[in-house]
C-alpha atoms as a PDB file:
ATOM      1  CA  MET A   1      25.038  -7.247 -48.696  1.00  0.00           C
ATOM      2  CA  ASP A   2      24.222  -9.945 -46.227  1.00  0.00           C
ATOM      3  CA  ARG A   3      23.869  -8.708 -42.615  1.00  0.00           C
ATOM      4  CA  GLN A   4      24.144 -10.968 -39.633  1.00  0.00           C
ATOM      5  CA  PRO A   5      21.971 -10.276 -36.573  1.00  0.00           C
ATOM      6  CA  GLN A   6      24.093  -8.478 -34.007  1.00  0.00           C
ATOM      7  CA  GLN A   7      24.994 -10.542 -30.971  1.00  0.00           C
ATOM      8  CA  HIS A   8      25.700  -8.949 -27.596  1.00  0.00           C
ATOM      9  CA  SER A   9      28.548 -10.254 -25.528  1.00  0.00           C
ATOM     10  CA  ASP A  10      28.234 -11.009 -21.823  1.00  0.00           C
ATOM     11  CA  THR A  11      30.162  -7.818 -21.027  1.00  0.00           C
ATOM     12  CA  ASP A  12      27.747  -5.730 -23.087  1.00  0.00           C
ATOM     13  CA  ILE A  13      24.775  -7.215 -21.220  1.00  0.00           C
ATOM     14  CA  ILE A  14      26.372  -6.611 -17.804  1.00  0.00           C
ATOM     15  CA  VAL A  15      27.143  -2.997 -18.729  1.00  0.00           C
ATOM     16  CA  MET A  16      23.542  -2.461 -19.874  1.00  0.00           C
ATOM     17  CA  VAL A  17      22.171  -3.934 -16.634  1.00  0.00           C
ATOM     18  CA  VAL A  18      24.470  -1.809 -14.465  1.00  0.00           C
ATOM     19  CA  VAL A  19      23.668   1.376 -16.396  1.00  0.00           C
ATOM     20  CA  GLY A  20      19.967   0.574 -16.173  1.00  0.00           C
ATOM     21  CA  MET A  21      20.174   0.078 -12.407  1.00  0.00           C
ATOM     22  CA  MET A  22      22.073   3.343 -11.998  1.00  0.00           C
ATOM     23  CA  ALA A  23      19.468   5.174 -14.089  1.00  0.00           C
ATOM     24  CA  LEU A  24      16.653   3.663 -12.036  1.00  0.00           C
ATOM     25  CA  GLY A  25      18.350   4.704  -8.792  1.00  0.00           C
ATOM     26  CA  SER A  26      18.884   8.228 -10.082  1.00  0.00           C
ATOM     27  CA  ALA A  27      15.257   8.471 -11.174  1.00  0.00           C
ATOM     28  CA  ALA A  28      14.090   7.314  -7.730  1.00  0.00           C
ATOM     29  CA  ALA A  29      16.271   9.926  -5.986  1.00  0.00           C
ATOM     30  CA  ILE A  30      15.006  12.695  -8.270  1.00  0.00           C
ATOM     31  CA  ALA A  31      11.405  11.598  -7.652  1.00  0.00           C
ATOM     32  CA  ALA A  32      11.935  11.653  -3.868  1.00  0.00           C
ATOM     33  CA  VAL A  33      13.327  15.203  -3.970  1.00  0.00           C
ATOM     34  CA  ALA A  34      10.513  16.356  -6.266  1.00  0.00           C
ATOM     35  CA  TRP A  35       7.908  14.741  -3.977  1.00  0.00           C
ATOM     36  CA  GLN A  36       9.229  16.646  -0.970  1.00  0.00           C
ATOM     37  CA  LYS A  37       9.079  19.916  -2.943  1.00  0.00           C
ATOM     38  CA  VAL A  38       5.460  19.177  -3.944  1.00  0.00           C
ATOM     39  CA  ILE A  39       4.513  18.454  -0.318  1.00  0.00           C
ATOM     40  CA  THR A  40       6.205  21.665   0.855  1.00  0.00           C
ATOM     41  CA  TRP A  41       4.422  23.687  -1.860  1.00  0.00           C
ATOM     42  CA  CYS A  42       1.053  22.159  -0.965  1.00  0.00           C
ATOM     43  CA  LEU A  43       1.557  22.943   2.717  1.00  0.00           C
ATOM     44  CA  ALA A  44       2.580  26.534   1.940  1.00  0.00           C
ATOM     45  CA  HIS A  45      -0.518  27.078  -0.205  1.00  0.00           C
ATOM     46  CA  GLY A  46      -2.975  25.415   2.156  1.00  0.00           C
ATOM     47  CA  LEU A  47      -3.773  22.405   0.011  1.00  0.00           C
ATOM     48  CA  LEU A  48      -2.595  20.033   2.760  1.00  0.00           C
ATOM     49  CA  VAL A  49      -3.063  20.197   6.498  1.00  0.00           C
ATOM     50  CA  PRO A  50       0.135  20.178   8.587  1.00  0.00           C
ATOM     51  CA  PRO A  51       0.812  17.192  10.857  1.00  0.00           C
ATOM     52  CA  ASP A  52       0.027  19.121  14.055  1.00  0.00           C
ATOM     53  CA  ALA A  53      -3.570  19.685  12.824  1.00  0.00           C
ATOM     54  CA  SER A  54      -4.119  15.885  12.903  1.00  0.00           C
ATOM     55  CA  PRO A  55      -5.384  15.235   9.363  1.00  0.00           C
ATOM     56  CA  MET A  56      -7.913  12.472   8.713  1.00  0.00           C
ATOM     57  CA  LEU A  57      -5.989  11.117   5.715  1.00  0.00           C
ATOM     58  CA  SER A  58      -2.225  11.372   5.785  1.00  0.00           C
ATOM     59  CA  ILE A  59      -0.230  11.474   2.561  1.00  0.00           C
ATOM     60  CA  PRO A  60       2.614   8.923   2.216  1.00  0.00           C
ATOM     61  CA  ALA A  61       6.139  10.283   2.722  1.00  0.00           C
ATOM     62  CA  SER A  62       4.857  13.648   3.931  1.00  0.00           C
ATOM     63  CA  ASN A  63       5.874  13.390   7.606  1.00  0.00           C
ATOM     64  CA  GLY A  64       2.220  13.263   8.711  1.00  0.00           C
ATOM     65  CA  ALA A  65       0.750  16.011   6.534  1.00  0.00           C
ATOM     66  CA  GLY A  66      -2.520  15.198   4.869  1.00  0.00           C
ATOM     67  CA  LEU A  67      -6.148  16.064   4.253  1.00  0.00           C
ATOM     68  CA  ASP A  68      -8.930  17.023   6.625  1.00  0.00           C
ATOM     69  CA  LEU A  69     -12.609  16.314   5.912  1.00  0.00           C
ATOM     70  CA  SER A  70     -13.259  19.421   3.803  1.00  0.00           C
ATOM     71  CA  ARG A  71     -10.183  18.799   1.644  1.00  0.00           C
ATOM     72  CA  ILE A  72     -11.158  15.129   1.238  1.00  0.00           C
ATOM     73  CA  LEU A  73     -14.606  16.215   0.011  1.00  0.00           C
ATOM     74  CA  VAL A  74     -13.073  18.693  -2.454  1.00  0.00           C
ATOM     75  CA  ALA A  75     -10.645  16.041  -3.749  1.00  0.00           C
ATOM     76  CA  ALA A  76     -13.517  13.568  -4.148  1.00  0.00           C
ATOM     77  CA  ALA A  77     -15.554  16.167  -6.048  1.00  0.00           C
ATOM     78  CA  VAL A  78     -12.633  16.839  -8.379  1.00  0.00           C
ATOM     79  CA  VAL A  79     -12.269  13.103  -9.081  1.00  0.00           C
ATOM     80  CA  VAL A  80     -16.030  12.804  -9.784  1.00  0.00           C
ATOM     81  CA  VAL A  81     -15.936  15.782 -12.189  1.00  0.00           C
ATOM     82  CA  VAL A  82     -12.910  14.364 -14.033  1.00  0.00           C
ATOM     83  CA  LEU A  83     -14.563  10.942 -14.327  1.00  0.00           C
ATOM     84  CA  ALA A  84     -17.822  12.481 -15.545  1.00  0.00           C
ATOM     85  CA  ALA A  85     -16.025  14.587 -18.160  1.00  0.00           C
ATOM     86  CA  SER A  86     -14.072  11.531 -19.329  1.00  0.00           C
ATOM     87  CA  ALA A  87     -17.222   9.427 -19.582  1.00  0.00           C
ATOM     88  CA  ARG A  88     -18.981  12.182 -21.513  1.00  0.00           C
ATOM     89  CA  GLY A  89     -16.081  12.450 -23.941  1.00  0.00           C
ATOM     90  CA  MET A  90     -15.957   8.708 -24.448  1.00  0.00           C
ATOM     91  CA  ARG A  91     -19.714   8.556 -25.041  1.00  0.00           C
ATOM     92  CA  ARG A  92     -19.514  11.329 -27.634  1.00  0.00           C
ATOM     93  CA  ALA A  93     -16.679   9.511 -29.398  1.00  0.00           C
ATOM     94  CA  VAL A  94     -18.687   6.288 -29.454  1.00  0.00           C
ATOM     95  CA  ARG A  95     -21.665   8.119 -30.933  1.00  0.00           C
ATOM     96  CA  ARG A  96     -19.452   9.453 -33.718  1.00  0.00           C
ATOM     97  CA  GLY A  97     -18.256   5.919 -34.394  1.00  0.00           C
ATOM     98  CA  GLU A  98     -14.641   6.352 -33.368  1.00  0.00           C
ATOM     99  CA  GLU A  99     -12.723   3.470 -31.876  1.00  0.00           C
ATOM    100  CA  PHE A 100     -10.512   3.527 -28.793  1.00  0.00           C
ATOM    101  CA  ARG A 101      -7.143   1.869 -29.059  1.00  0.00           C
END
């Protein structure tokens, strides 16, 4: 059996573009709602400082909530620990002769 490569018509392409744009818009709306829930949860559990406490570093799309100096230092320490653990794991893998792809 001889198969021809399938060609898409202009209508098919337009439908795919429109569906893709609708999916992207839906994903953006879902992400915005989820972000607001994350911010609310962080404020309720004391991970973020409310806007009236005048944080040093405000989080985007959080209506002014953010981090004060102590929370910035904790976040920086977490980033340093994660980077150190990653570097250690990569160094161990290199010693064993594994390749990263």
